[in-house]
């Protein structure tokens, strides 16, 4: 089900309660977990508000706004709607976005940043694999997309025409959320069909984990997960989040919906060899965080975790299993190419979204903010 408005309708925007926001999200086939009321309680460093779009008295859209303050501009905020808002993106966007801009400007925002949950292109696993093997192909966008989504092109065109500025960087990763993702379609497929869609290495690794006796359970031992996650961060050279972040995330999201977030733990002979976090809103399942042990990699705990999450997502009636961000590089010499090579084994597809866009509401303040972000390397 998609949020809709009558053509030419005059919509109004105003604050809604958490309960109203959550009730609306539950009417949707899927929505990003970044657009749920619980996400505001995870991102406690920013002021947040839930906004609703009304056609008369009927709630027809909703969005979570995170107000991000800027140094020395405490009274002005960047109003950020990650992977949202949850509105009808197929029609005339000014009907939706003009009242949003008016509301946020009146309440101190110097700019709006949003990320429409709309695809523009998709590339099959076979295309990605061929692209990595071809030395003349350096990026996903060097390949013709297998499918083009006209709605995405229309959204980008309307945003540009209305003065919105694209923010997605060349490598697909920035301060916001990735424009390129890897997703496995699940709708209408059986476990056997999904498994057959994986490459030979993934299928072999899943069988290997089962043969070695790897057991995957859904548990609550966040300390065990976090210890392994910190180990993974040290090995793979990224900065880990603190344990309290995950404790808060699980508390907030589980309180909103007991099926919203789950921790998967893969053990071999009592040793934790992999762990993953799955988040689900409606029919959209997301692999959110993962960790793996350097020891016992040969038992393939990570593949076992992924397969357990995919099977449970299928059983829950999900349409898609979202492996989150990739960089669009297909250059075999680029260290980032390993990320897409791991994910392409699932047999899904690489997708490009419209990306994140900014609307300056107070151009002088926005230019100062943009300069500040450039100086600190975003």
Protein backbone atom coordinates (compact mmCIF):
# COMPACT_ATOMS: atom_id res chain seq x y z
CA UNK A 1 0.00 0.00 0.00
CA UNK A 2 1.36 3.42 -0.93
CA UNK A 3 0.45 6.79 0.54
CA UNK A 4 -1.68 8.72 -1.91
CA UNK A 5 -3.20 12.15 -2.29
CA UNK A 6 -5.94 13.31 -4.62
CA UNK A 7 -4.55 14.98 -7.75
CA UNK A 8 -4.25 18.69 -7.16
CA UNK A 9 -5.10 18.29 -3.49
CA UNK A 10 -3.88 21.00 -1.13
CA UNK A 11 -2.02 19.17 1.58
CA UNK A 12 -1.03 20.52 4.97
CA UNK A 13 1.92 19.47 7.12
CA UNK A 14 2.01 19.42 10.89
CA UNK A 15 3.33 17.51 13.91
CA UNK A 16 1.88 14.08 14.67
CA UNK A 17 2.28 11.83 17.70
CA UNK A 18 4.51 8.77 17.77
CA UNK A 19 1.37 6.63 17.88
CA UNK A 20 -0.08 8.30 14.77
CA UNK A 21 3.26 8.01 12.99
CA UNK A 22 3.65 4.32 13.82
CA UNK A 23 0.04 3.55 12.86
CA UNK A 24 0.64 5.12 9.46
CA UNK A 25 3.90 3.22 8.89
CA UNK A 26 2.03 -0.01 9.67
CA UNK A 27 -0.38 0.68 6.80
CA UNK A 28 2.52 0.60 4.33
CA UNK A 29 3.81 -2.50 2.57
CA UNK A 30 7.29 -1.37 3.53
CA UNK A 31 9.19 1.64 4.80
CA UNK A 32 12.72 2.37 5.93
CA UNK A 33 13.41 1.75 9.61
CA UNK A 34 15.04 5.20 9.51
CA UNK A 35 11.52 6.60 9.10
CA UNK A 36 10.02 4.98 12.19
CA UNK A 37 9.40 6.86 15.45
CA UNK A 38 11.81 4.49 17.23
CA UNK A 39 14.73 5.76 15.16
CA UNK A 40 14.37 9.14 16.86
CA UNK A 41 15.04 7.41 20.18
CA UNK A 42 18.19 5.84 18.71
CA UNK A 43 19.51 9.16 17.39
CA UNK A 44 19.23 10.98 20.68
CA UNK A 45 21.98 13.47 19.83
CA UNK A 46 19.55 15.28 17.51
CA UNK A 47 16.18 16.87 18.17
CA UNK A 48 13.48 15.03 16.27
CA UNK A 49 9.85 15.38 15.27
CA UNK A 50 7.28 13.30 13.46
CA UNK A 51 5.43 15.19 10.74
CA UNK A 52 2.26 14.23 8.93
CA UNK A 53 0.74 15.24 5.61
CA UNK A 54 -3.00 15.80 5.79
CA UNK A 55 -5.62 15.82 3.05
CA UNK A 56 -8.31 17.50 5.09
CA UNK A 57 -8.32 15.41 8.26
CA UNK A 58 -6.92 12.28 6.64
CA UNK A 59 -3.28 11.41 7.29
CA UNK A 60 -1.80 10.56 3.88
CA UNK A 61 1.97 10.73 4.52
CA UNK A 62 4.48 10.76 7.37
CA UNK A 63 8.11 11.57 7.96
CA UNK A 64 10.69 11.48 10.73
CA UNK A 65 12.76 14.67 10.82
CA UNK A 66 16.11 14.73 12.61
CA UNK A 67 17.17 18.30 13.37
CA UNK A 68 20.96 18.39 13.17
CA UNK A 69 22.47 21.52 14.77
CA UNK A 70 25.48 23.25 13.23
CA UNK A 71 28.36 24.68 15.33
CA UNK A 72 27.86 28.38 16.09
CA UNK A 73 24.39 28.22 14.55
CA UNK A 74 22.57 26.57 17.45
CA UNK A 75 19.21 28.10 16.61
CA UNK A 76 19.36 26.86 13.00
CA UNK A 77 19.22 23.21 11.99
CA UNK A 78 19.58 20.96 8.99
CA UNK A 79 16.26 19.10 8.84
CA UNK A 80 17.14 15.56 7.77
CA UNK A 81 14.66 12.91 6.62
CA UNK A 82 16.80 9.79 6.04
CA UNK A 83 15.38 7.44 3.39
CA UNK A 84 12.13 9.36 3.47
CA UNK A 85 9.60 10.77 3.90
CA UNK A 86 6.90 8.12 3.43
CA UNK A 87 4.82 9.85 0.79
CA UNK A 88 3.59 9.17 -2.74
CA UNK A 89 6.69 9.76 -4.89
CA UNK A 90 4.92 8.93 -8.16
CA UNK A 91 3.04 12.20 -8.68
CA UNK A 92 3.65 15.94 -8.47
CA UNK A 93 6.17 16.41 -5.68
CA UNK A 94 5.55 20.10 -5.03
CA UNK A 95 2.17 19.08 -3.56
CA UNK A 96 4.11 17.22 -0.87
CA UNK A 97 7.37 19.11 -0.51
CA UNK A 98 6.22 22.73 -0.62
CA UNK A 99 4.20 22.50 2.63
CA UNK A 100 7.09 20.56 4.21
CA UNK A 101 9.51 23.35 3.33
CA UNK A 102 7.15 26.01 4.65
CA UNK A 103 6.74 24.21 7.97
CA UNK A 104 10.44 23.55 8.50
CA UNK A 105 11.53 27.05 7.51
CA UNK A 106 9.07 28.52 9.99
CA UNK A 107 10.57 26.30 12.70
CA UNK A 108 14.22 27.27 12.25
CA UNK A 109 15.58 24.94 9.57
CA UNK A 110 18.13 26.51 7.22
CA UNK A 111 17.94 23.53 4.83
CA UNK A 112 16.19 20.20 4.27
CA UNK A 113 17.95 16.98 3.34
CA UNK A 114 15.94 13.97 2.24
CA UNK A 115 16.50 10.64 0.50
CA UNK A 116 13.61 9.47 -1.66
CA UNK A 117 13.17 5.67 -1.32
CA UNK A 118 12.96 5.37 -5.09
CA UNK A 119 15.12 3.39 -7.54
CA UNK A 120 16.51 4.72 -10.81
CA UNK A 121 18.41 1.67 -12.09
CA UNK A 122 19.17 -1.99 -11.34
CA UNK A 123 21.95 -4.33 -12.49
CA UNK A 124 21.77 -8.13 -12.26
CA UNK A 125 24.30 -10.27 -10.41
CA UNK A 126 25.52 -11.61 -13.78
CA UNK A 127 26.15 -8.08 -15.05
CA UNK A 128 28.09 -7.15 -11.93
CA UNK A 129 30.21 -10.30 -12.18
CA UNK A 130 30.98 -9.63 -15.85
CA UNK A 131 31.80 -6.02 -15.07
CA UNK A 132 34.35 -6.96 -12.40
CA UNK A 133 36.02 -9.35 -14.90
CA UNK A 134 36.16 -6.70 -17.66
CA UNK A 135 39.21 -4.40 -17.26
CA UNK A 136 37.48 -1.72 -19.34
CA UNK A 137 34.61 -1.46 -16.83
CA UNK A 138 35.44 0.60 -13.75
CA UNK A 139 32.01 1.44 -12.31
CA UNK A 140 28.49 0.06 -12.26
CA UNK A 141 27.37 3.09 -14.23
CA UNK A 142 29.69 2.07 -17.08
CA UNK A 143 27.28 -0.82 -17.68
CA UNK A 144 23.82 -0.43 -19.20
CA UNK A 145 21.33 -1.02 -16.41
CA UNK A 146 19.21 -4.13 -16.78
CA UNK A 147 16.17 -2.19 -15.63
CA UNK A 148 15.44 1.52 -15.60
CA UNK A 149 12.75 2.94 -13.33
CA UNK A 150 11.04 6.01 -14.85
CA UNK A 151 9.67 7.13 -11.46
CA UNK A 152 13.23 7.64 -10.23
CA UNK A 153 14.13 9.80 -13.23
CA UNK A 154 10.96 11.87 -12.75
CA UNK A 155 11.70 12.37 -9.05
CA UNK A 156 15.25 13.55 -9.77
CA UNK A 157 14.01 15.89 -12.52
CA UNK A 158 11.30 17.41 -10.31
CA UNK A 159 13.68 17.91 -7.40
CA UNK A 160 16.29 19.59 -9.61
CA UNK A 161 13.65 21.84 -11.20
CA UNK A 162 12.42 22.88 -7.73
CA UNK A 163 15.91 23.94 -6.60
CA UNK A 164 17.00 20.84 -4.70
CA UNK A 165 20.73 20.04 -4.88
CA UNK A 166 22.00 16.43 -5.27
CA UNK A 167 24.35 15.33 -2.48
CA UNK A 168 25.41 11.81 -3.47
CA UNK A 169 29.20 11.57 -3.88
CA UNK A 170 31.00 9.71 -6.68
CA UNK A 171 31.83 6.68 -4.57
CA UNK A 172 28.25 6.28 -3.36
CA UNK A 173 29.10 6.89 0.31
CA UNK A 174 28.90 10.23 2.09
CA UNK A 175 27.80 11.58 5.43
CA UNK A 176 24.30 10.31 4.76
CA UNK A 177 23.01 6.99 3.50
CA UNK A 178 24.30 5.15 0.43
CA UNK A 179 22.84 5.72 -3.02
CA UNK A 180 23.90 2.27 -4.26
CA UNK A 181 22.69 -0.85 -2.46
CA UNK A 182 22.56 -4.59 -2.99
CA UNK A 183 19.18 -6.26 -2.60
CA UNK A 184 17.81 -9.79 -2.97
CA UNK A 185 14.23 -9.95 -4.29
CA UNK A 186 12.12 -12.40 -2.26
CA UNK A 187 8.54 -11.81 -3.40
CA UNK A 188 7.02 -14.90 -4.95
CA UNK A 189 10.18 -17.01 -4.44
CA UNK A 190 10.76 -20.17 -2.42
CA UNK A 191 13.83 -21.01 -0.31
CA UNK A 192 15.04 -23.37 -3.02
CA UNK A 193 14.66 -20.71 -5.70
CA UNK A 194 16.61 -18.15 -3.66
CA UNK A 195 19.32 -20.70 -2.93
CA UNK A 196 19.58 -21.67 -6.60
CA UNK A 197 19.96 -17.98 -7.44
CA UNK A 198 23.14 -17.75 -5.34
CA UNK A 199 26.51 -18.41 -6.88
CA UNK A 200 28.33 -21.72 -6.43
CA UNK A 201 30.66 -20.37 -3.73
CA UNK A 202 27.77 -19.12 -1.55
CA UNK A 203 25.88 -22.40 -1.88
CA UNK A 204 29.03 -24.35 -1.05
CA UNK A 205 29.74 -22.16 1.98
CA UNK A 206 26.18 -22.58 3.29
CA UNK A 207 26.52 -26.36 2.94
CA UNK A 208 29.97 -26.25 4.55
CA UNK A 209 28.63 -24.40 7.59
CA UNK A 210 25.87 -26.97 8.02
CA UNK A 211 28.31 -29.88 7.62
CA UNK A 212 30.69 -28.34 10.20
CA UNK A 213 27.84 -28.08 12.69
CA UNK A 214 27.51 -24.28 12.79
CA UNK A 215 24.36 -23.42 14.75
CA UNK A 216 22.58 -20.09 14.22
CA UNK A 217 20.23 -18.87 16.93
CA UNK A 218 18.28 -15.67 17.51
CA UNK A 219 19.41 -14.32 20.85
CA UNK A 220 19.88 -11.31 23.08
CA UNK A 221 23.58 -11.44 24.00
CA UNK A 222 24.54 -7.99 22.77
CA UNK A 223 27.79 -8.05 24.76
CA UNK A 224 28.95 -11.14 22.85
CA UNK A 225 27.95 -9.51 19.55
CA UNK A 226 29.74 -6.29 20.46
CA UNK A 227 32.97 -8.04 21.46
CA UNK A 228 33.04 -9.76 18.06
CA UNK A 229 32.07 -6.51 16.30
CA UNK A 230 34.99 -4.65 17.93
CA UNK A 231 37.30 -7.47 16.84
CA UNK A 232 35.94 -7.10 13.29
CA UNK A 233 36.46 -3.33 13.39
CA UNK A 234 40.10 -3.75 14.41
CA UNK A 235 40.70 -6.26 11.63
CA UNK A 236 38.85 -4.33 8.91
CA UNK A 237 39.95 -0.85 10.02
CA UNK A 238 36.69 0.93 10.84
CA UNK A 239 35.57 2.74 13.98
CA UNK A 240 33.10 0.65 16.01
CA UNK A 241 30.03 2.03 17.73
CA UNK A 242 29.90 1.63 21.53
CA UNK A 243 27.89 -1.13 23.16
CA UNK A 244 25.43 1.37 24.60
CA UNK A 245 24.44 2.39 21.04
CA UNK A 246 23.28 -1.15 20.27
CA UNK A 247 21.60 -1.53 23.68
CA UNK A 248 19.64 1.66 23.01
CA UNK A 249 18.85 0.57 19.45
CA UNK A 250 17.45 -2.78 20.55
CA UNK A 251 15.49 -1.26 23.44
CA UNK A 252 13.90 1.48 21.30
CA UNK A 253 13.08 -0.65 18.28
CA UNK A 254 11.86 -3.70 20.23
CA UNK A 255 9.55 -1.50 22.31
CA UNK A 256 7.99 -0.22 19.08
CA UNK A 257 7.53 -3.70 17.57
CA UNK A 258 8.83 -6.99 19.05
CA UNK A 259 9.61 -8.24 15.52
CA UNK A 260 11.44 -5.06 14.43
CA UNK A 261 15.01 -6.08 15.27
CA UNK A 262 16.75 -9.43 15.84
CA UNK A 263 20.25 -10.58 16.74
CA UNK A 264 21.57 -13.70 14.97
CA UNK A 265 24.47 -15.58 16.56
CA UNK A 266 26.41 -18.30 14.73
CA UNK A 267 28.38 -20.69 16.96
CA UNK A 268 30.73 -23.55 16.21
CA UNK A 269 31.41 -25.95 19.08
CA UNK A 270 30.44 -23.19 21.51
CA UNK A 271 32.62 -20.49 19.88
CA UNK A 272 30.90 -17.41 18.46
CA UNK A 273 32.11 -17.21 14.84
CA UNK A 274 29.68 -14.67 13.35
CA UNK A 275 26.83 -12.40 14.38
CA UNK A 276 24.39 -10.19 12.49
CA UNK A 277 21.56 -7.75 13.16
CA UNK A 278 18.36 -7.92 11.08
CA UNK A 279 15.80 -5.10 11.02
CA UNK A 280 12.36 -5.46 9.44
CA UNK A 281 9.60 -2.95 8.70
CA UNK A 282 6.65 -4.49 6.92
CA UNK A 283 7.94 -6.44 3.94
CA UNK A 284 11.40 -4.86 3.92
CA UNK A 285 14.15 -6.80 5.72
CA UNK A 286 17.54 -5.17 6.24
CA UNK A 287 20.93 -6.64 7.14
CA UNK A 288 22.04 -3.83 9.41
CA UNK A 289 25.29 -4.85 11.16
CA UNK A 290 27.58 -7.85 10.98
CA UNK A 291 30.64 -9.26 12.73
CA UNK A 292 32.87 -12.28 12.19
CA UNK A 293 35.74 -14.04 13.89
CA UNK A 294 39.17 -14.22 12.25
CA UNK A 295 39.55 -17.68 13.76
CA UNK A 296 37.50 -20.52 12.28
CA UNK A 297 36.66 -18.60 9.12
CA UNK A 298 36.69 -21.94 7.33
CA UNK A 299 33.40 -22.95 8.99
CA UNK A 300 31.64 -20.09 7.15
CA UNK A 301 29.65 -18.64 10.01
CA UNK A 302 28.91 -15.40 8.12
CA UNK A 303 27.23 -17.29 5.26
CA UNK A 304 25.24 -19.32 7.80
CA UNK A 305 24.04 -16.10 9.48
CA UNK A 306 23.01 -14.56 6.16
CA UNK A 307 21.14 -17.67 5.06
CA UNK A 308 19.27 -17.83 8.38
CA UNK A 309 18.22 -14.18 8.04
CA UNK A 310 17.13 -14.67 4.42
CA UNK A 311 15.09 -17.76 5.33
CA UNK A 312 13.38 -15.95 8.22
CA UNK A 313 12.67 -12.95 5.97
CA UNK A 314 11.05 -15.26 3.43
CA UNK A 315 8.99 -16.89 6.19
CA UNK A 316 7.85 -13.44 7.36
CA UNK A 317 6.54 -12.65 3.86
CA UNK A 318 9.16 -10.05 3.00
CA UNK A 319 9.49 -8.70 -0.55
CA UNK A 320 13.18 -7.88 -0.32
CA UNK A 321 16.31 -8.70 1.68
CA UNK A 322 18.40 -5.53 1.75
CA UNK A 323 22.16 -5.94 2.16
CA UNK A 324 22.57 -2.15 2.38
CA UNK A 325 25.30 -0.10 0.83
CA UNK A 326 27.90 -0.82 -1.81
CA UNK A 327 30.28 1.45 -3.62
CA UNK A 328 29.67 1.47 -7.39
CA UNK A 329 33.25 0.47 -8.19
CA UNK A 330 33.85 -2.62 -10.31
CA UNK A 331 37.58 -2.00 -10.55
CA UNK A 332 39.33 -5.22 -9.49
CA UNK A 333 42.19 -3.14 -8.02
CA UNK A 334 39.88 -1.04 -5.82
CA UNK A 335 39.82 -2.30 -2.19
CA UNK A 336 36.09 -1.55 -2.06
CA UNK A 337 35.29 -4.08 -4.79
CA UNK A 338 35.36 -6.93 -2.25
CA UNK A 339 32.16 -5.59 -0.70
CA UNK A 340 30.13 -5.95 -3.89
CA UNK A 341 31.81 -9.28 -4.70
CA UNK A 342 30.66 -10.71 -1.35
CA UNK A 343 27.12 -9.43 -1.79
CA UNK A 344 26.79 -10.39 -5.47
CA UNK A 345 27.14 -14.03 -4.41
CA UNK A 346 23.60 -13.85 -3.01
CA UNK A 347 22.34 -13.63 -6.60
CA UNK A 348 20.41 -10.41 -5.99
CA UNK A 349 20.81 -7.12 -7.80
CA UNK A 350 22.70 -3.87 -7.45
CA UNK A 351 20.32 -0.90 -7.34
CA UNK A 352 20.80 2.83 -7.55
CA UNK A 353 18.45 5.11 -5.66
CA UNK A 354 17.73 8.75 -6.43
CA UNK A 355 20.17 9.66 -3.65
CA UNK A 356 20.06 12.43 -1.07
CA UNK A 357 19.08 16.00 -1.96
CA UNK A 358 19.29 19.33 -0.14
CA UNK A 359 16.92 22.29 -0.36
CA UNK A 360 18.50 25.49 0.99
CA UNK A 361 15.85 27.46 2.90
CA UNK A 362 18.26 30.18 4.07
CA UNK A 363 20.91 30.30 1.32
CA UNK A 364 23.53 32.35 3.20
CA UNK A 365 23.45 29.99 6.19
CA UNK A 366 23.42 26.98 3.87
CA UNK A 367 26.51 28.20 2.01
CA UNK A 368 28.32 28.65 5.33
CA UNK A 369 27.28 25.12 6.35
CA UNK A 370 28.40 23.69 3.01
CA UNK A 371 31.79 25.41 3.33
CA UNK A 372 32.16 24.08 6.89
CA UNK A 373 31.40 20.52 5.73
CA UNK A 374 33.84 20.75 2.81
CA UNK A 375 36.62 21.97 5.08
CA UNK A 376 36.16 19.02 7.42
CA UNK A 377 35.97 16.63 4.46
CA UNK A 378 32.25 15.99 5.00
